[in-house]
Amino acid sequence: MTEILTTKETVSLLRKSLKVTFPGVKFSVRTDRGGITSQVRVAWEDGPTTDEVEAVTDGYAGDGFDGMIDMAYSRDSWLAPDGRAYFAGTEGTQGSMGVIPPSESPAPVEGCRRVRFCLGSVSCVRTYSRAAIDAVVAALTEQGAPEGIYTVRGSENWGYNIDTNARGFDSWLYWRDAAYKAMDAYKAEEEKAEQAAA
């Protein structure tokens, strides 16, 4: 039988899991109560990539959404003894003419229990500090980015990003993609610099 965990219990487990997986990173975990289930927004600055954080948060989502038929569907999770959650299964939406097939995943570690979280979706938003953006722009300039192609926008409260100025630059698309890749790789470059200094 699947055990149901409240939003409060789920958010507490999610916070602990993020803290253990990414020590030293400060996460904001906010709940938006709007119906039977709540949505959660996880935000942080610099640090791990969105894919790395989503690998942790995905197991805590209690439902998914099939955009082809505009329908939410339930998901079960495996709750490990250490509090980490993993996808367990869903009935999907194919029985309602949707495109999500039913699926089941075995328990990833011994001692897991099957649960359903009272969370809808978990969205992850990574922001960048001004120091991170400045480091990325400096690295791209060293690689030959044209002067004036980047504009830094943002604030301390909302984080910073890089806009690529298209006017007057034939290669703006290349440098826009280079900026995205460099921003994604910023954590790895920062860690290399810390290891070199140690």
N, C-alpha and C. Protein backbone atom coordinates (compact mmCIF):
# COMPACT_ATOMS: atom_id res chain seq x y z
N MET A 1 0.84 -1.19 0.00
CA MET A 1 0.00 0.00 0.00
C MET A 1 0.88 1.25 0.00
N THR A 2 0.50 2.23 -0.80
CA THR A 2 1.29 3.46 -0.92
C THR A 2 0.96 4.41 0.23
N GLU A 3 1.98 4.88 0.91
CA GLU A 3 1.82 5.82 2.01
C GLU A 3 1.76 7.24 1.45
N ILE A 4 0.86 8.06 1.95
CA ILE A 4 0.72 9.45 1.51
C ILE A 4 1.47 10.35 2.49
N LEU A 5 2.35 11.21 1.97
CA LEU A 5 3.08 12.15 2.81
C LEU A 5 2.58 13.57 2.54
N THR A 6 2.40 14.35 3.60
CA THR A 6 1.89 15.71 3.47
C THR A 6 2.91 16.61 2.78
N THR A 7 2.44 17.78 2.36
CA THR A 7 3.34 18.76 1.74
C THR A 7 4.43 19.15 2.72
N LYS A 8 4.09 19.38 3.97
CA LYS A 8 5.07 19.78 4.98
C LYS A 8 6.15 18.71 5.15
N GLU A 9 5.74 17.45 5.24
CA GLU A 9 6.70 16.35 5.37
C GLU A 9 7.60 16.27 4.12
N THR A 10 6.99 16.42 2.96
CA THR A 10 7.73 16.33 1.70
C THR A 10 8.76 17.43 1.58
N VAL A 11 8.35 18.67 1.86
CA VAL A 11 9.28 19.80 1.76
C VAL A 11 10.43 19.65 2.74
N SER A 12 10.14 19.16 3.94
CA SER A 12 11.20 18.92 4.93
C SER A 12 12.22 17.90 4.41
N LEU A 13 11.73 16.81 3.84
CA LEU A 13 12.62 15.79 3.27
C LEU A 13 13.43 16.35 2.10
N LEU A 14 12.78 17.15 1.25
CA LEU A 14 13.46 17.73 0.10
C LEU A 14 14.58 18.66 0.54
N ARG A 15 14.31 19.50 1.51
CA ARG A 15 15.35 20.42 2.03
C ARG A 15 16.55 19.64 2.57
N LYS A 16 16.27 18.60 3.36
CA LYS A 16 17.36 17.79 3.94
C LYS A 16 18.19 17.13 2.85
N SER A 17 17.50 16.60 1.83
CA SER A 17 18.19 15.92 0.74
C SER A 17 19.10 16.88 -0.04
N LEU A 18 18.61 18.10 -0.30
CA LEU A 18 19.43 19.09 -1.00
C LEU A 18 20.64 19.49 -0.15
N LYS A 19 20.43 19.64 1.15
CA LYS A 19 21.52 20.04 2.05
C LYS A 19 22.62 18.97 2.10
N VAL A 20 22.21 17.71 2.13
CA VAL A 20 23.19 16.61 2.18
C VAL A 20 23.90 16.45 0.84
N THR A 21 23.15 16.56 -0.25
CA THR A 21 23.73 16.35 -1.58
C THR A 21 24.64 17.50 -2.00
N PHE A 22 24.28 18.73 -1.63
CA PHE A 22 25.05 19.91 -2.03
C PHE A 22 25.43 20.73 -0.79
N PRO A 23 26.36 20.21 0.03
CA PRO A 23 26.72 20.95 1.25
C PRO A 23 27.30 22.32 0.92
N GLY A 24 26.91 23.31 1.68
CA GLY A 24 27.42 24.65 1.48
C GLY A 24 26.63 25.50 0.51
N VAL A 25 25.69 24.90 -0.23
CA VAL A 25 24.86 25.66 -1.16
C VAL A 25 23.57 26.05 -0.45
N LYS A 26 23.20 27.33 -0.52
CA LYS A 26 21.99 27.82 0.13
C LYS A 26 20.83 27.74 -0.86
N PHE A 27 19.83 26.92 -0.53
CA PHE A 27 18.66 26.76 -1.38
C PHE A 27 17.46 27.47 -0.76
N SER A 28 16.65 28.08 -1.61
CA SER A 28 15.35 28.61 -1.20
C SER A 28 14.31 27.62 -1.71
N VAL A 29 13.52 27.06 -0.80
CA VAL A 29 12.48 26.10 -1.16
C VAL A 29 11.15 26.72 -0.75
N ARG A 30 10.38 27.17 -1.73
CA ARG A 30 9.12 27.88 -1.48
C ARG A 30 7.93 27.07 -2.00
N THR A 31 6.88 27.04 -1.19
CA THR A 31 5.67 26.30 -1.55
C THR A 31 4.59 27.26 -2.02
N ASP A 32 3.93 26.91 -3.11
CA ASP A 32 2.81 27.69 -3.62
C ASP A 32 1.58 26.81 -3.53
N ARG A 33 0.74 27.08 -2.56
CA ARG A 33 -0.47 26.27 -2.38
C ARG A 33 -1.57 26.81 -3.27
N GLY A 34 -2.03 25.96 -4.20
CA GLY A 34 -3.03 26.45 -5.13
C GLY A 34 -4.15 25.48 -5.40
N GLY A 35 -4.19 24.35 -4.73
CA GLY A 35 -5.23 23.37 -5.00
C GLY A 35 -5.03 22.17 -4.09
N ILE A 36 -5.35 21.01 -4.61
CA ILE A 36 -5.20 19.78 -3.83
C ILE A 36 -3.72 19.54 -3.52
N THR A 37 -2.88 19.77 -4.51
CA THR A 37 -1.44 19.62 -4.30
C THR A 37 -0.77 20.99 -4.38
N SER A 38 0.44 21.08 -3.86
CA SER A 38 1.20 22.32 -3.89
C SER A 38 2.33 22.22 -4.89
N GLN A 39 2.71 23.36 -5.43
CA GLN A 39 3.87 23.43 -6.31
C GLN A 39 5.04 23.94 -5.47
N VAL A 40 6.23 23.50 -5.78
CA VAL A 40 7.42 23.94 -5.04
C VAL A 40 8.42 24.53 -6.02
N ARG A 41 9.02 25.64 -5.60
CA ARG A 41 10.06 26.31 -6.40
C ARG A 41 11.36 26.25 -5.61
N VAL A 42 12.36 25.63 -6.21
CA VAL A 42 13.69 25.54 -5.60
C VAL A 42 14.60 26.51 -6.34
N ALA A 43 15.21 27.43 -5.61
CA ALA A 43 16.10 28.42 -6.23
C ALA A 43 17.43 28.46 -5.49
N TRP A 44 18.51 28.77 -6.21
CA TRP A 44 19.84 28.89 -5.63
C TRP A 44 20.71 29.73 -6.55
N GLU A 45 21.83 30.17 -6.02
CA GLU A 45 22.74 31.01 -6.81
C GLU A 45 24.04 30.27 -7.07
N ASP A 46 24.52 30.35 -8.31
CA ASP A 46 25.76 29.68 -8.73
C ASP A 46 25.69 28.20 -8.37
N GLY A 47 26.76 27.62 -7.88
CA GLY A 47 26.73 26.24 -7.42
C GLY A 47 26.37 25.22 -8.48
N PRO A 48 25.62 24.17 -8.08
CA PRO A 48 25.33 23.06 -9.00
C PRO A 48 24.47 23.48 -10.18
N THR A 49 24.56 22.71 -11.26
CA THR A 49 23.76 22.99 -12.44
C THR A 49 22.31 22.61 -12.19
N THR A 50 21.42 23.09 -13.04
CA THR A 50 20.00 22.76 -12.92
C THR A 50 19.79 21.26 -13.05
N ASP A 51 20.49 20.61 -13.99
CA ASP A 51 20.35 19.16 -14.17
C ASP A 51 20.74 18.41 -12.91
N GLU A 52 21.81 18.85 -12.24
CA GLU A 52 22.25 18.18 -11.01
C GLU A 52 21.20 18.29 -9.91
N VAL A 53 20.59 19.47 -9.77
CA VAL A 53 19.58 19.66 -8.73
C VAL A 53 18.30 18.91 -9.10
N GLU A 54 17.91 18.95 -10.38
CA GLU A 54 16.70 18.23 -10.80
C GLU A 54 16.83 16.73 -10.59
N ALA A 55 18.05 16.20 -10.65
CA ALA A 55 18.25 14.77 -10.38
C ALA A 55 17.85 14.42 -8.95
N VAL A 56 17.95 15.39 -8.03
CA VAL A 56 17.55 15.19 -6.64
C VAL A 56 16.06 15.47 -6.47
N THR A 57 15.56 16.58 -7.04
CA THR A 57 14.19 17.01 -6.78
C THR A 57 13.14 16.17 -7.50
N ASP A 58 13.50 15.53 -8.61
CA ASP A 58 12.51 14.81 -9.43
C ASP A 58 11.73 13.77 -8.63
N GLY A 59 12.39 13.10 -7.71
CA GLY A 59 11.73 12.04 -6.95
C GLY A 59 10.65 12.53 -6.02
N TYR A 60 10.65 13.84 -5.70
CA TYR A 60 9.68 14.38 -4.75
C TYR A 60 8.39 14.89 -5.41
N ALA A 61 8.32 14.90 -6.72
CA ALA A 61 7.12 15.38 -7.41
C ALA A 61 6.01 14.34 -7.29
N GLY A 62 4.84 14.76 -6.87
CA GLY A 62 3.70 13.85 -6.70
C GLY A 62 2.89 13.67 -7.96
N ASP A 63 3.03 14.60 -8.91
CA ASP A 63 2.36 14.41 -10.19
C ASP A 63 3.19 14.96 -11.34
N GLY A 64 2.80 14.54 -12.52
CA GLY A 64 3.36 15.04 -13.75
C GLY A 64 2.24 15.66 -14.57
N PHE A 65 2.56 16.13 -15.76
CA PHE A 65 1.54 16.76 -16.59
C PHE A 65 1.70 16.33 -18.04
N ASP A 66 0.61 15.91 -18.63
CA ASP A 66 0.58 15.53 -20.04
C ASP A 66 -0.04 16.68 -20.82
N GLY A 67 0.80 17.47 -21.49
CA GLY A 67 0.34 18.63 -22.24
C GLY A 67 -0.49 18.28 -23.47
N MET A 68 -0.37 17.04 -23.95
CA MET A 68 -1.13 16.65 -25.14
C MET A 68 -2.63 16.60 -24.86
N ILE A 69 -3.00 16.27 -23.61
CA ILE A 69 -4.43 16.21 -23.27
C ILE A 69 -4.76 17.14 -22.10
N ASP A 70 -3.81 17.98 -21.71
CA ASP A 70 -4.02 18.96 -20.64
C ASP A 70 -4.49 18.27 -19.36
N MET A 71 -3.70 17.27 -18.92
CA MET A 71 -4.12 16.46 -17.78
C MET A 71 -2.95 16.15 -16.86
N ALA A 72 -3.17 16.34 -15.57
CA ALA A 72 -2.17 15.94 -14.57
C ALA A 72 -2.33 14.45 -14.28
N TYR A 73 -1.25 13.81 -13.87
CA TYR A 73 -1.32 12.39 -13.50
C TYR A 73 -0.45 12.17 -12.26
N SER A 74 -0.80 11.15 -11.48
CA SER A 74 -0.10 10.87 -10.23
C SER A 74 1.18 10.07 -10.47
N ARG A 75 2.15 10.32 -9.60
CA ARG A 75 3.41 9.58 -9.60
C ARG A 75 3.67 9.07 -8.18
N ASP A 76 4.15 7.86 -8.06
CA ASP A 76 4.61 7.33 -6.78
C ASP A 76 6.13 7.42 -6.73
N SER A 77 6.67 7.42 -5.52
CA SER A 77 8.12 7.51 -5.34
C SER A 77 8.59 6.45 -4.36
N TRP A 78 9.86 6.12 -4.48
CA TRP A 78 10.53 5.30 -3.47
C TRP A 78 11.22 6.25 -2.50
N LEU A 79 10.95 6.11 -1.22
CA LEU A 79 11.60 6.91 -0.19
C LEU A 79 12.64 6.04 0.48
N ALA A 80 13.92 6.38 0.28
CA ALA A 80 15.03 5.61 0.83
C ALA A 80 15.18 5.92 2.33
N PRO A 81 15.83 5.03 3.07
CA PRO A 81 16.03 5.27 4.51
C PRO A 81 16.76 6.59 4.82
N ASP A 82 17.58 7.09 3.88
CA ASP A 82 18.30 8.34 4.11
C ASP A 82 17.47 9.58 3.76
N GLY A 83 16.20 9.38 3.32
CA GLY A 83 15.32 10.50 3.00
C GLY A 83 15.33 10.91 1.54
N ARG A 84 16.20 10.32 0.74
CA ARG A 84 16.25 10.63 -0.69
C ARG A 84 15.08 9.94 -1.38
N ALA A 85 14.51 10.60 -2.39
CA ALA A 85 13.35 10.05 -3.10
C ALA A 85 13.70 9.76 -4.55
N TYR A 86 13.10 8.70 -5.07
CA TYR A 86 13.32 8.26 -6.45
C TYR A 86 11.98 7.91 -7.08
N PHE A 87 11.86 8.13 -8.37
CA PHE A 87 10.63 7.77 -9.09
C PHE A 87 10.35 6.28 -8.93
N ALA A 88 9.08 5.93 -8.61
CA ALA A 88 8.71 4.52 -8.44
C ALA A 88 7.78 4.05 -9.56
N GLY A 89 6.82 4.89 -9.93
CA GLY A 89 5.91 4.45 -10.98
C GLY A 89 4.73 5.38 -11.18
N THR A 90 4.03 5.15 -12.28
CA THR A 90 2.83 5.91 -12.60
C THR A 90 1.92 5.07 -13.49
N GLU A 91 0.62 5.35 -13.41
CA GLU A 91 -0.32 4.71 -14.32
C GLU A 91 -0.34 5.45 -15.66
N GLY A 92 0.27 6.66 -15.70
CA GLY A 92 0.34 7.42 -16.94
C GLY A 92 -1.01 7.97 -17.37
N THR A 93 -1.10 8.30 -18.63
CA THR A 93 -2.34 8.90 -19.17
C THR A 93 -2.87 8.20 -20.41
N GLN A 94 -2.23 7.12 -20.82
CA GLN A 94 -2.69 6.47 -22.05
C GLN A 94 -4.12 5.96 -21.94
N GLY A 95 -4.58 5.62 -20.74
CA GLY A 95 -5.97 5.19 -20.55
C GLY A 95 -6.96 6.32 -20.76
N SER A 96 -6.46 7.56 -20.79
CA SER A 96 -7.30 8.74 -21.03
C SER A 96 -6.96 9.39 -22.37
N MET A 97 -6.37 8.60 -23.27
CA MET A 97 -5.99 9.06 -24.61
C MET A 97 -4.77 9.98 -24.59
N GLY A 98 -3.96 9.90 -23.53
CA GLY A 98 -2.75 10.70 -23.44
C GLY A 98 -1.54 9.96 -23.97
N VAL A 99 -0.36 10.56 -23.77
CA VAL A 99 0.87 9.99 -24.34
C VAL A 99 1.83 9.44 -23.28
N ILE A 100 1.51 9.58 -22.00
CA ILE A 100 2.40 9.10 -20.94
C ILE A 100 2.09 7.63 -20.66
N PRO A 101 3.04 6.73 -20.95
CA PRO A 101 2.77 5.31 -20.72
C PRO A 101 2.89 4.96 -19.23
N PRO A 102 2.21 3.89 -18.81
CA PRO A 102 2.42 3.43 -17.45
C PRO A 102 3.86 2.94 -17.30
N SER A 103 4.43 3.14 -16.13
CA SER A 103 5.80 2.66 -15.93
C SER A 103 6.05 2.36 -14.46
N GLU A 104 6.99 1.48 -14.22
CA GLU A 104 7.39 1.08 -12.87
C GLU A 104 8.90 0.99 -12.81
N SER A 105 9.46 1.42 -11.69
CA SER A 105 10.91 1.32 -11.46
C SER A 105 11.13 0.56 -10.15
N PRO A 106 12.10 -0.34 -10.13
CA PRO A 106 12.37 -1.07 -8.88
C PRO A 106 12.99 -0.14 -7.83
N ALA A 107 12.88 -0.53 -6.59
CA ALA A 107 13.49 0.24 -5.50
C ALA A 107 15.00 0.30 -5.73
N PRO A 108 15.60 1.52 -5.66
CA PRO A 108 17.02 1.65 -5.96
C PRO A 108 17.96 1.15 -4.86
N VAL A 109 17.47 1.15 -3.62
CA VAL A 109 18.28 0.67 -2.49
C VAL A 109 17.38 -0.13 -1.56
N GLU A 110 18.00 -0.94 -0.73
CA GLU A 110 17.25 -1.76 0.22
C GLU A 110 16.61 -0.87 1.29
N GLY A 111 15.43 -1.24 1.72
CA GLY A 111 14.76 -0.51 2.80
C GLY A 111 13.87 0.63 2.34
N CYS A 112 13.67 0.77 1.02
CA CYS A 112 12.79 1.83 0.52
C CYS A 112 11.34 1.50 0.82
N ARG A 113 10.53 2.56 0.98
CA ARG A 113 9.10 2.36 1.09
C ARG A 113 8.41 3.19 -0.01
N ARG A 114 7.31 2.67 -0.50
CA ARG A 114 6.59 3.34 -1.59
C ARG A 114 5.69 4.42 -1.00
N VAL A 115 5.82 5.65 -1.54
CA VAL A 115 5.06 6.78 -1.03
C VAL A 115 4.49 7.60 -2.19
N ARG A 116 3.53 8.45 -1.84
CA ARG A 116 3.04 9.46 -2.78
C ARG A 116 3.14 10.80 -2.06
N PHE A 117 3.86 11.72 -2.69
CA PHE A 117 4.05 13.04 -2.10
C PHE A 117 2.90 13.97 -2.50
N CYS A 118 2.47 14.80 -1.55
CA CYS A 118 1.42 15.79 -1.84
C CYS A 118 2.05 17.05 -2.41
N LEU A 119 2.91 16.89 -3.37
CA LEU A 119 3.46 18.01 -4.13
C LEU A 119 3.07 17.79 -5.57
N GLY A 120 2.74 18.87 -6.25
CA GLY A 120 2.53 18.76 -7.69
C GLY A 120 3.88 18.65 -8.35
N SER A 121 4.32 19.73 -8.93
CA SER A 121 5.62 19.74 -9.60
C SER A 121 6.65 20.46 -8.74
N VAL A 122 7.91 20.21 -9.04
CA VAL A 122 9.02 20.90 -8.39
C VAL A 122 9.81 21.60 -9.50
N SER A 123 9.82 22.93 -9.48
CA SER A 123 10.58 23.67 -10.50
C SER A 123 11.90 24.14 -9.89
N CYS A 124 12.93 24.13 -10.70
CA CYS A 124 14.27 24.51 -10.25
C CYS A 124 14.74 25.73 -11.03
N VAL A 125 15.21 26.74 -10.29
CA VAL A 125 15.67 27.98 -10.91
C VAL A 125 17.05 28.33 -10.37
N ARG A 126 18.04 28.27 -11.25
CA ARG A 126 19.41 28.63 -10.87
C ARG A 126 19.68 30.07 -11.30
N THR A 127 20.16 30.89 -10.38
CA THR A 127 20.55 32.25 -10.72
C THR A 127 22.07 32.36 -10.60
N TYR A 128 22.60 33.45 -11.14
CA TYR A 128 24.05 33.66 -11.13
C TYR A 128 24.39 34.95 -10.39
N SER A 129 25.47 34.91 -9.63
CA SER A 129 25.96 36.11 -8.95
C SER A 129 26.68 37.00 -9.98
N ARG A 130 26.90 38.24 -9.59
CA ARG A 130 27.64 39.15 -10.48
C ARG A 130 29.06 38.64 -10.70
N ALA A 131 29.67 38.06 -9.65
CA ALA A 131 31.03 37.52 -9.78
C ALA A 131 31.08 36.40 -10.82
N ALA A 132 30.05 35.55 -10.82
CA ALA A 132 30.01 34.45 -11.79
C ALA A 132 29.89 34.99 -13.21
N ILE A 133 28.99 35.95 -13.39
CA ILE A 133 28.79 36.52 -14.73
C ILE A 133 30.05 37.24 -15.21
N ASP A 134 30.68 38.01 -14.33
CA ASP A 134 31.91 38.71 -14.71
C ASP A 134 33.01 37.72 -15.11
N ALA A 135 33.10 36.61 -14.37
CA ALA A 135 34.10 35.59 -14.70
C ALA A 135 33.82 34.97 -16.07
N VAL A 136 32.55 34.72 -16.36
CA VAL A 136 32.16 34.14 -17.66
C VAL A 136 32.47 35.11 -18.79
N VAL A 137 32.10 36.38 -18.63
CA VAL A 137 32.37 37.38 -19.66
C VAL A 137 33.87 37.53 -19.90
N ALA A 138 34.66 37.54 -18.82
CA ALA A 138 36.12 37.65 -18.95
C ALA A 138 36.69 36.46 -19.72
N ALA A 139 36.20 35.26 -19.41
CA ALA A 139 36.68 34.06 -20.11
C ALA A 139 36.31 34.10 -21.59
N LEU A 140 35.10 34.56 -21.91
CA LEU A 140 34.68 34.65 -23.30
C LEU A 140 35.46 35.73 -24.05
N THR A 141 35.77 36.81 -23.38
CA THR A 141 36.57 37.88 -24.00
C THR A 141 37.96 37.35 -24.35
N GLU A 142 38.53 36.56 -23.44
CA GLU A 142 39.84 35.93 -23.72
C GLU A 142 39.77 35.00 -24.92
N GLN A 143 38.60 34.39 -25.14
CA GLN A 143 38.42 33.48 -26.28
C GLN A 143 38.15 34.23 -27.58
N GLY A 144 38.04 35.56 -27.53
CA GLY A 144 37.86 36.33 -28.75
C GLY A 144 36.48 36.92 -28.97
N ALA A 145 35.63 36.92 -27.94
CA ALA A 145 34.30 37.52 -28.10
C ALA A 145 34.47 39.00 -28.44
N PRO A 146 33.71 39.49 -29.44
CA PRO A 146 33.83 40.90 -29.83
C PRO A 146 33.45 41.84 -28.69
N GLU A 147 34.14 42.95 -28.61
CA GLU A 147 33.85 43.94 -27.58
C GLU A 147 32.44 44.49 -27.78
N GLY A 148 31.66 44.55 -26.70
CA GLY A 148 30.31 45.08 -26.76
C GLY A 148 29.24 44.08 -27.11
N ILE A 149 29.60 42.81 -27.31
CA ILE A 149 28.59 41.84 -27.69
C ILE A 149 27.73 41.41 -26.49
N TYR A 150 28.26 41.54 -25.28
CA TYR A 150 27.52 41.13 -24.09
C TYR A 150 27.08 42.32 -23.25
N THR A 151 25.88 42.23 -22.72
CA THR A 151 25.37 43.19 -21.75
C THR A 151 24.95 42.39 -20.52
N VAL A 152 25.41 42.81 -19.35
CA VAL A 152 25.04 42.13 -18.11
C VAL A 152 23.80 42.82 -17.54
N ARG A 153 22.78 42.03 -17.23
CA ARG A 153 21.54 42.56 -16.67
C ARG A 153 21.23 41.82 -15.37
N GLY A 154 20.47 42.47 -14.49
CA GLY A 154 20.02 41.80 -13.27
C GLY A 154 20.23 42.64 -12.04
N SER A 155 20.11 41.97 -10.89
CA SER A 155 20.27 42.63 -9.60
C SER A 155 20.68 41.60 -8.56
N GLU A 156 21.11 42.09 -7.39
CA GLU A 156 21.49 41.19 -6.30
C GLU A 156 20.30 40.33 -5.86
N ASN A 157 19.10 40.89 -5.90
CA ASN A 157 17.92 40.15 -5.44
C ASN A 157 17.48 39.06 -6.40
N TRP A 158 17.62 39.30 -7.69
CA TRP A 158 17.08 38.38 -8.69
C TRP A 158 18.15 37.63 -9.47
N GLY A 159 19.41 37.92 -9.22
CA GLY A 159 20.48 37.27 -9.97
C GLY A 159 20.79 38.02 -11.25
N TYR A 160 21.83 37.60 -11.92
CA TYR A 160 22.31 38.27 -13.12
C TYR A 160 22.28 37.32 -14.30
N ASN A 161 22.25 37.89 -15.50
CA ASN A 161 22.37 37.09 -16.70
C ASN A 161 23.08 37.91 -17.78
N ILE A 162 23.40 37.22 -18.86
CA ILE A 162 24.10 37.85 -19.97
C ILE A 162 23.14 37.94 -21.16
N ASP A 163 23.00 39.13 -21.70
CA ASP A 163 22.28 39.30 -22.96
C ASP A 163 23.31 39.41 -24.07
N THR A 164 23.02 38.79 -25.22
CA THR A 164 23.90 38.89 -26.37
C THR A 164 23.30 39.91 -27.34
N ASN A 165 24.07 40.91 -27.65
CA ASN A 165 23.60 41.98 -28.55
C ASN A 165 23.74 41.53 -30.00
N ALA A 166 22.61 41.37 -30.68
CA ALA A 166 22.63 40.85 -32.05
C ALA A 166 23.04 41.90 -33.07
N ARG A 167 22.69 43.16 -32.83
CA ARG A 167 22.94 44.19 -33.84
C ARG A 167 24.42 44.40 -34.10
N GLY A 168 24.78 44.34 -35.35
CA GLY A 168 26.15 44.65 -35.72
C GLY A 168 27.15 43.51 -35.56
N PHE A 169 26.68 42.33 -35.12
CA PHE A 169 27.61 41.22 -34.93
C PHE A 169 27.12 40.03 -35.75
N ASP A 170 27.91 39.66 -36.77
CA ASP A 170 27.52 38.53 -37.62
C ASP A 170 27.54 37.22 -36.85
N SER A 171 28.42 37.12 -35.85
CA SER A 171 28.60 35.84 -35.14
C SER A 171 27.87 35.83 -33.79
N TRP A 172 26.81 36.65 -33.63
CA TRP A 172 26.17 36.77 -32.31
C TRP A 172 25.60 35.45 -31.82
N LEU A 173 25.08 34.62 -32.76
CA LEU A 173 24.49 33.35 -32.37
C LEU A 173 25.54 32.43 -31.75
N TYR A 174 26.73 32.40 -32.37
CA TYR A 174 27.82 31.59 -31.84
C TYR A 174 28.18 32.05 -30.42
N TRP A 175 28.30 33.37 -30.21
CA TRP A 175 28.71 33.89 -28.91
C TRP A 175 27.60 33.78 -27.87
N ARG A 176 26.34 33.79 -28.33
CA ARG A 176 25.23 33.54 -27.40
C ARG A 176 25.31 32.12 -26.87
N ASP A 177 25.50 31.14 -27.76
CA ASP A 177 25.63 29.74 -27.35
C ASP A 177 26.85 29.53 -26.47
N ALA A 178 27.95 30.21 -26.81
CA ALA A 178 29.17 30.10 -26.00
C ALA A 178 28.92 30.61 -24.58
N ALA A 179 28.13 31.69 -24.45
CA ALA A 179 27.81 32.23 -23.12
C ALA A 179 26.98 31.24 -22.32
N TYR A 180 25.97 30.62 -22.95
CA TYR A 180 25.15 29.63 -22.25
C TYR A 180 26.00 28.46 -21.75
N LYS A 181 26.87 27.96 -22.63
CA LYS A 181 27.73 26.84 -22.24
C LYS A 181 28.68 27.23 -21.12
N ALA A 182 29.24 28.43 -21.21
CA ALA A 182 30.17 28.88 -20.17
C ALA A 182 29.46 29.08 -18.84
N MET A 183 28.23 29.56 -18.87
CA MET A 183 27.48 29.73 -17.62
C MET A 183 27.17 28.37 -17.00
N ASP A 184 26.80 27.39 -17.82
CA ASP A 184 26.55 26.04 -17.30
C ASP A 184 27.82 25.43 -16.71
N ALA A 185 28.95 25.75 -17.31
CA ALA A 185 30.22 25.15 -16.86
C ALA A 185 30.89 25.95 -15.75
N TYR A 186 30.29 27.06 -15.33
CA TYR A 186 30.94 27.93 -14.34
C TYR A 186 31.31 27.19 -13.07
N LYS A 187 30.46 26.33 -12.57
CA LYS A 187 30.74 25.60 -11.33
C LYS A 187 32.02 24.78 -11.46
N ALA A 188 32.17 24.08 -12.58
CA ALA A 188 33.35 23.24 -12.79
C ALA A 188 34.61 24.10 -12.83
N GLU A 189 34.56 25.26 -13.50
CA GLU A 189 35.72 26.14 -13.58
C GLU A 189 36.07 26.71 -12.21
N GLU A 190 35.05 27.04 -11.42
CA GLU A 190 35.25 27.58 -10.10
C GLU A 190 35.93 26.54 -9.21
N GLU A 191 35.47 25.28 -9.30
CA GLU A 191 36.07 24.22 -8.50
C GLU A 191 37.51 23.96 -8.90
N LYS A 192 37.82 24.01 -10.22
CA LYS A 192 39.20 23.83 -10.67
C LYS A 192 40.11 24.90 -10.09
N ALA A 193 39.62 26.16 -10.08
CA ALA A 193 40.42 27.27 -9.54
C ALA A 193 40.66 27.08 -8.05
N GLU A 194 39.64 26.62 -7.31
CA GLU A 194 39.79 26.39 -5.87
C GLU A 194 40.79 25.27 -5.61
N GLN A 195 40.74 24.20 -6.42
CA GLN A 195 41.69 23.09 -6.25
C GLN A 195 43.11 23.50 -6.57
N ALA A 196 43.27 24.35 -7.59
CA ALA A 196 44.62 24.83 -7.97
C ALA A 196 45.20 25.70 -6.88
N ALA A 197 44.35 26.47 -6.20
CA ALA A 197 44.82 27.37 -5.14
C ALA A 197 45.16 26.61 -3.86
N ALA A 198 44.57 25.43 -3.69
CA ALA A 198 44.79 24.66 -2.45
C ALA A 198 46.15 24.00 -2.40
